[in-house]
Amino acid sequence: MKPSSPMPTTGFEIALVSDHAVLRYIERRHGVDVEALREIIRDACREGVRYGASAVIDDGVKFVLEGDRVVTCLKREWPAWPKRKELL
C-alpha cells in the first residue's frame, strides 16, 4: 500500500466573512429575530421616507435614507456622508 500524500492547501490563511454570513450567524446561532428588527427600523423611518428625508434620527442612532430605502445605520453624531469635496 502506497503512503498517502499530504492534503494540498489553497494558499489562503484566513476566511473572509461576508456581512450576510454574520447576519445569518446572529439570527440562527443567537436567536435574534432579524425580521422584527427590520420592522422596527421600517417603522422608525416611515415618516422620513414619506417626506423625502435623507436621514432619520431615532432611539439614539441615525438611519440614512436613499429614496425609499434605509441604507445604513450610524451613530447619531456621525455625518450621513462625506462632503462631495472630500470624495474628490
N, C-alpha and C. Protein backbone atom coordinates (compact mmCIF):
# COMPACT_ATOMS: atom_id res chain seq x y z
N MET A 1 0.84 -1.18 0.00
CA MET A 1 0.00 0.00 0.00
C MET A 1 0.89 1.25 0.00
N LYS A 2 0.54 2.16 -0.86
CA LYS A 2 1.32 3.39 -1.04
C LYS A 2 0.99 4.37 0.09
N PRO A 3 1.99 5.07 0.65
CA PRO A 3 1.70 6.06 1.70
C PRO A 3 0.86 7.20 1.14
N SER A 4 -0.04 7.71 1.95
CA SER A 4 -0.93 8.79 1.49
C SER A 4 -0.16 10.10 1.35
N SER A 5 -0.58 10.89 0.37
CA SER A 5 0.03 12.21 0.15
C SER A 5 -0.60 13.21 1.08
N PRO A 6 0.17 14.24 1.46
CA PRO A 6 -0.45 15.28 2.29
C PRO A 6 -1.54 16.00 1.48
N MET A 7 -2.57 16.44 2.18
CA MET A 7 -3.66 17.16 1.51
C MET A 7 -3.13 18.48 0.99
N PRO A 8 -3.44 18.82 -0.28
CA PRO A 8 -2.97 20.10 -0.81
C PRO A 8 -3.65 21.26 -0.12
N THR A 9 -2.96 22.37 -0.04
CA THR A 9 -3.53 23.56 0.58
C THR A 9 -3.89 24.59 -0.48
N THR A 10 -4.73 25.55 -0.11
CA THR A 10 -5.20 26.57 -1.05
C THR A 10 -4.27 27.77 -1.12
N GLY A 11 -3.48 27.97 -0.09
CA GLY A 11 -2.65 29.16 0.00
C GLY A 11 -3.32 30.27 0.79
N PHE A 12 -4.61 30.10 1.09
CA PHE A 12 -5.32 31.08 1.91
C PHE A 12 -4.99 30.84 3.37
N GLU A 13 -4.91 31.91 4.14
CA GLU A 13 -4.59 31.79 5.56
C GLU A 13 -5.81 31.99 6.45
N ILE A 14 -6.72 32.89 6.04
CA ILE A 14 -7.91 33.17 6.86
C ILE A 14 -9.14 33.22 5.97
N ALA A 15 -10.29 33.01 6.57
CA ALA A 15 -11.55 33.09 5.83
C ALA A 15 -12.04 34.53 5.83
N LEU A 16 -12.52 35.00 4.69
CA LEU A 16 -13.18 36.30 4.60
C LEU A 16 -14.66 36.05 4.88
N VAL A 17 -15.23 36.79 5.81
CA VAL A 17 -16.60 36.54 6.25
C VAL A 17 -17.50 37.66 5.74
N SER A 18 -18.52 37.31 4.97
CA SER A 18 -19.42 38.31 4.40
C SER A 18 -20.38 38.84 5.46
N ASP A 19 -20.95 40.02 5.19
CA ASP A 19 -21.97 40.59 6.07
C ASP A 19 -23.17 39.64 6.15
N HIS A 20 -23.51 39.01 5.03
CA HIS A 20 -24.63 38.07 5.00
C HIS A 20 -24.39 36.91 5.98
N ALA A 21 -23.17 36.38 5.98
CA ALA A 21 -22.83 35.28 6.89
C ALA A 21 -22.93 35.72 8.35
N VAL A 22 -22.46 36.93 8.65
CA VAL A 22 -22.54 37.45 10.02
C VAL A 22 -24.00 37.60 10.43
N LEU A 23 -24.82 38.17 9.55
CA LEU A 23 -26.23 38.35 9.85
C LEU A 23 -26.91 37.02 10.12
N ARG A 24 -26.66 36.03 9.27
CA ARG A 24 -27.29 34.71 9.47
C ARG A 24 -26.80 34.05 10.74
N TYR A 25 -25.53 34.22 11.10
CA TYR A 25 -24.99 33.68 12.34
C TYR A 25 -25.70 34.28 13.54
N ILE A 26 -25.85 35.61 13.53
CA ILE A 26 -26.55 36.29 14.63
C ILE A 26 -27.98 35.77 14.72
N GLU A 27 -28.61 35.63 13.59
CA GLU A 27 -30.00 35.18 13.54
C GLU A 27 -30.15 33.74 14.02
N ARG A 28 -29.34 32.85 13.49
CA ARG A 28 -29.54 31.41 13.72
C ARG A 28 -28.83 30.89 14.96
N ARG A 29 -27.68 31.41 15.29
CA ARG A 29 -26.95 30.92 16.46
C ARG A 29 -27.38 31.63 17.73
N HIS A 30 -27.69 32.92 17.63
CA HIS A 30 -28.01 33.70 18.82
C HIS A 30 -29.49 34.03 18.94
N GLY A 31 -30.29 33.56 17.99
CA GLY A 31 -31.73 33.70 18.09
C GLY A 31 -32.28 35.11 17.91
N VAL A 32 -31.54 35.98 17.25
CA VAL A 32 -32.01 37.34 17.02
C VAL A 32 -33.04 37.31 15.89
N ASP A 33 -34.19 37.90 16.14
CA ASP A 33 -35.25 37.95 15.13
C ASP A 33 -34.99 39.12 14.19
N VAL A 34 -34.32 38.85 13.10
CA VAL A 34 -33.91 39.89 12.15
C VAL A 34 -35.13 40.57 11.53
N GLU A 35 -36.16 39.82 11.25
CA GLU A 35 -37.37 40.41 10.65
C GLU A 35 -38.05 41.37 11.61
N ALA A 36 -38.02 41.08 12.90
CA ALA A 36 -38.58 42.00 13.90
C ALA A 36 -37.76 43.30 13.94
N LEU A 37 -36.44 43.18 13.86
CA LEU A 37 -35.59 44.37 13.82
C LEU A 37 -35.85 45.18 12.55
N ARG A 38 -36.05 44.49 11.43
CA ARG A 38 -36.36 45.17 10.17
C ARG A 38 -37.65 45.99 10.31
N GLU A 39 -38.64 45.42 10.98
CA GLU A 39 -39.91 46.11 11.18
C GLU A 39 -39.74 47.33 12.08
N ILE A 40 -38.93 47.22 13.11
CA ILE A 40 -38.66 48.35 14.00
C ILE A 40 -38.01 49.49 13.21
N ILE A 41 -37.03 49.16 12.39
CA ILE A 41 -36.35 50.18 11.57
C ILE A 41 -37.33 50.78 10.56
N ARG A 42 -38.12 49.93 9.93
CA ARG A 42 -39.11 50.40 8.95
C ARG A 42 -40.07 51.40 9.60
N ASP A 43 -40.56 51.07 10.78
CA ASP A 43 -41.49 51.96 11.49
C ASP A 43 -40.81 53.28 11.86
N ALA A 44 -39.56 53.21 12.29
CA ALA A 44 -38.83 54.42 12.69
C ALA A 44 -38.62 55.36 11.51
N CYS A 45 -38.52 54.80 10.31
CA CYS A 45 -38.18 55.60 9.12
C CYS A 45 -39.37 55.94 8.24
N ARG A 46 -40.53 55.48 8.61
CA ARG A 46 -41.73 55.66 7.77
C ARG A 46 -41.96 57.13 7.37
N GLU A 47 -41.97 58.03 8.35
CA GLU A 47 -42.24 59.44 8.05
C GLU A 47 -41.09 60.07 7.27
N GLY A 48 -39.87 59.71 7.57
CA GLY A 48 -38.74 60.24 6.84
C GLY A 48 -38.80 59.87 5.36
N VAL A 49 -39.16 58.63 5.07
CA VAL A 49 -39.31 58.19 3.69
C VAL A 49 -40.47 58.95 3.03
N ARG A 50 -41.56 59.07 3.76
CA ARG A 50 -42.75 59.74 3.22
C ARG A 50 -42.46 61.18 2.78
N TYR A 51 -41.62 61.89 3.57
CA TYR A 51 -41.35 63.29 3.29
C TYR A 51 -40.00 63.53 2.60
N GLY A 52 -39.34 62.48 2.16
CA GLY A 52 -38.11 62.64 1.39
C GLY A 52 -36.88 63.01 2.18
N ALA A 53 -36.83 62.66 3.44
CA ALA A 53 -35.65 62.97 4.28
C ALA A 53 -34.44 62.17 3.82
N SER A 54 -33.25 62.68 4.09
CA SER A 54 -32.03 61.95 3.78
C SER A 54 -31.57 61.10 4.96
N ALA A 55 -32.11 61.40 6.15
CA ALA A 55 -31.76 60.64 7.35
C ALA A 55 -32.85 60.81 8.38
N VAL A 56 -32.93 59.83 9.28
CA VAL A 56 -33.88 59.86 10.40
C VAL A 56 -33.11 59.52 11.66
N ILE A 57 -33.28 60.33 12.70
CA ILE A 57 -32.68 60.04 13.99
C ILE A 57 -33.76 59.45 14.88
N ASP A 58 -33.47 58.28 15.42
CA ASP A 58 -34.43 57.59 16.28
C ASP A 58 -33.68 56.73 17.28
N ASP A 59 -34.07 56.80 18.51
CA ASP A 59 -33.51 55.95 19.56
C ASP A 59 -31.99 56.03 19.63
N GLY A 60 -31.44 57.25 19.39
CA GLY A 60 -30.01 57.46 19.55
C GLY A 60 -29.15 57.08 18.36
N VAL A 61 -29.76 56.67 17.24
CA VAL A 61 -28.99 56.34 16.04
C VAL A 61 -29.54 57.11 14.85
N LYS A 62 -28.74 57.15 13.78
CA LYS A 62 -29.16 57.84 12.56
C LYS A 62 -29.29 56.81 11.44
N PHE A 63 -30.50 56.72 10.87
CA PHE A 63 -30.73 55.85 9.72
C PHE A 63 -30.59 56.71 8.47
N VAL A 64 -29.73 56.31 7.55
CA VAL A 64 -29.51 57.05 6.31
C VAL A 64 -30.44 56.48 5.25
N LEU A 65 -31.17 57.40 4.59
CA LEU A 65 -32.15 57.02 3.58
C LEU A 65 -31.69 57.41 2.18
N GLU A 66 -32.01 56.58 1.22
CA GLU A 66 -31.87 56.91 -0.20
C GLU A 66 -33.19 56.54 -0.84
N GLY A 67 -34.01 57.56 -1.10
CA GLY A 67 -35.35 57.30 -1.62
C GLY A 67 -36.18 56.55 -0.59
N ASP A 68 -36.67 55.38 -0.97
CA ASP A 68 -37.49 54.59 -0.04
C ASP A 68 -36.69 53.49 0.65
N ARG A 69 -35.36 53.59 0.62
CA ARG A 69 -34.52 52.55 1.22
C ARG A 69 -33.73 53.10 2.40
N VAL A 70 -33.65 52.29 3.44
CA VAL A 70 -32.75 52.58 4.56
C VAL A 70 -31.44 51.89 4.22
N VAL A 71 -30.37 52.66 4.01
CA VAL A 71 -29.14 52.07 3.50
C VAL A 71 -28.08 51.80 4.56
N THR A 72 -28.16 52.50 5.69
CA THR A 72 -27.22 52.21 6.77
C THR A 72 -27.72 52.82 8.07
N CYS A 73 -27.05 52.46 9.13
CA CYS A 73 -27.34 52.99 10.47
C CYS A 73 -26.03 53.47 11.06
N LEU A 74 -26.00 54.73 11.49
CA LEU A 74 -24.80 55.34 12.02
C LEU A 74 -25.02 55.79 13.46
N LYS A 75 -23.93 56.10 14.15
CA LYS A 75 -24.06 56.78 15.43
C LYS A 75 -24.68 58.14 15.15
N ARG A 76 -25.48 58.61 16.07
CA ARG A 76 -26.23 59.85 15.87
C ARG A 76 -25.35 61.02 15.45
N GLU A 77 -24.17 61.14 16.04
CA GLU A 77 -23.32 62.31 15.79
C GLU A 77 -22.48 62.19 14.50
N TRP A 78 -22.48 61.04 13.86
CA TRP A 78 -21.70 60.88 12.62
C TRP A 78 -22.43 61.54 11.46
N PRO A 79 -21.67 62.13 10.53
CA PRO A 79 -22.33 62.69 9.33
C PRO A 79 -22.88 61.56 8.47
N ALA A 80 -23.98 61.85 7.78
CA ALA A 80 -24.61 60.82 6.96
C ALA A 80 -23.74 60.42 5.78
N TRP A 81 -22.91 61.31 5.29
CA TRP A 81 -21.97 61.01 4.20
C TRP A 81 -20.92 62.09 4.16
N PRO A 82 -19.75 61.79 3.58
CA PRO A 82 -18.72 62.83 3.48
C PRO A 82 -19.14 63.90 2.49
N LYS A 83 -18.64 65.10 2.70
CA LYS A 83 -18.93 66.18 1.76
C LYS A 83 -18.34 65.82 0.39
N ARG A 84 -18.99 66.26 -0.66
CA ARG A 84 -18.53 65.93 -2.02
C ARG A 84 -17.07 66.27 -2.24
N LYS A 85 -16.63 67.40 -1.72
CA LYS A 85 -15.25 67.84 -1.90
C LYS A 85 -14.28 66.78 -1.36
N GLU A 86 -14.65 66.15 -0.25
CA GLU A 86 -13.79 65.13 0.36
C GLU A 86 -13.70 63.87 -0.50
N LEU A 87 -14.68 63.64 -1.36
CA LEU A 87 -14.67 62.45 -2.20
C LEU A 87 -13.70 62.58 -3.37
N LEU A 88 -13.39 63.81 -3.77
CA LEU A 88 -12.52 64.03 -4.94
C LEU A 88 -11.07 63.90 -4.61
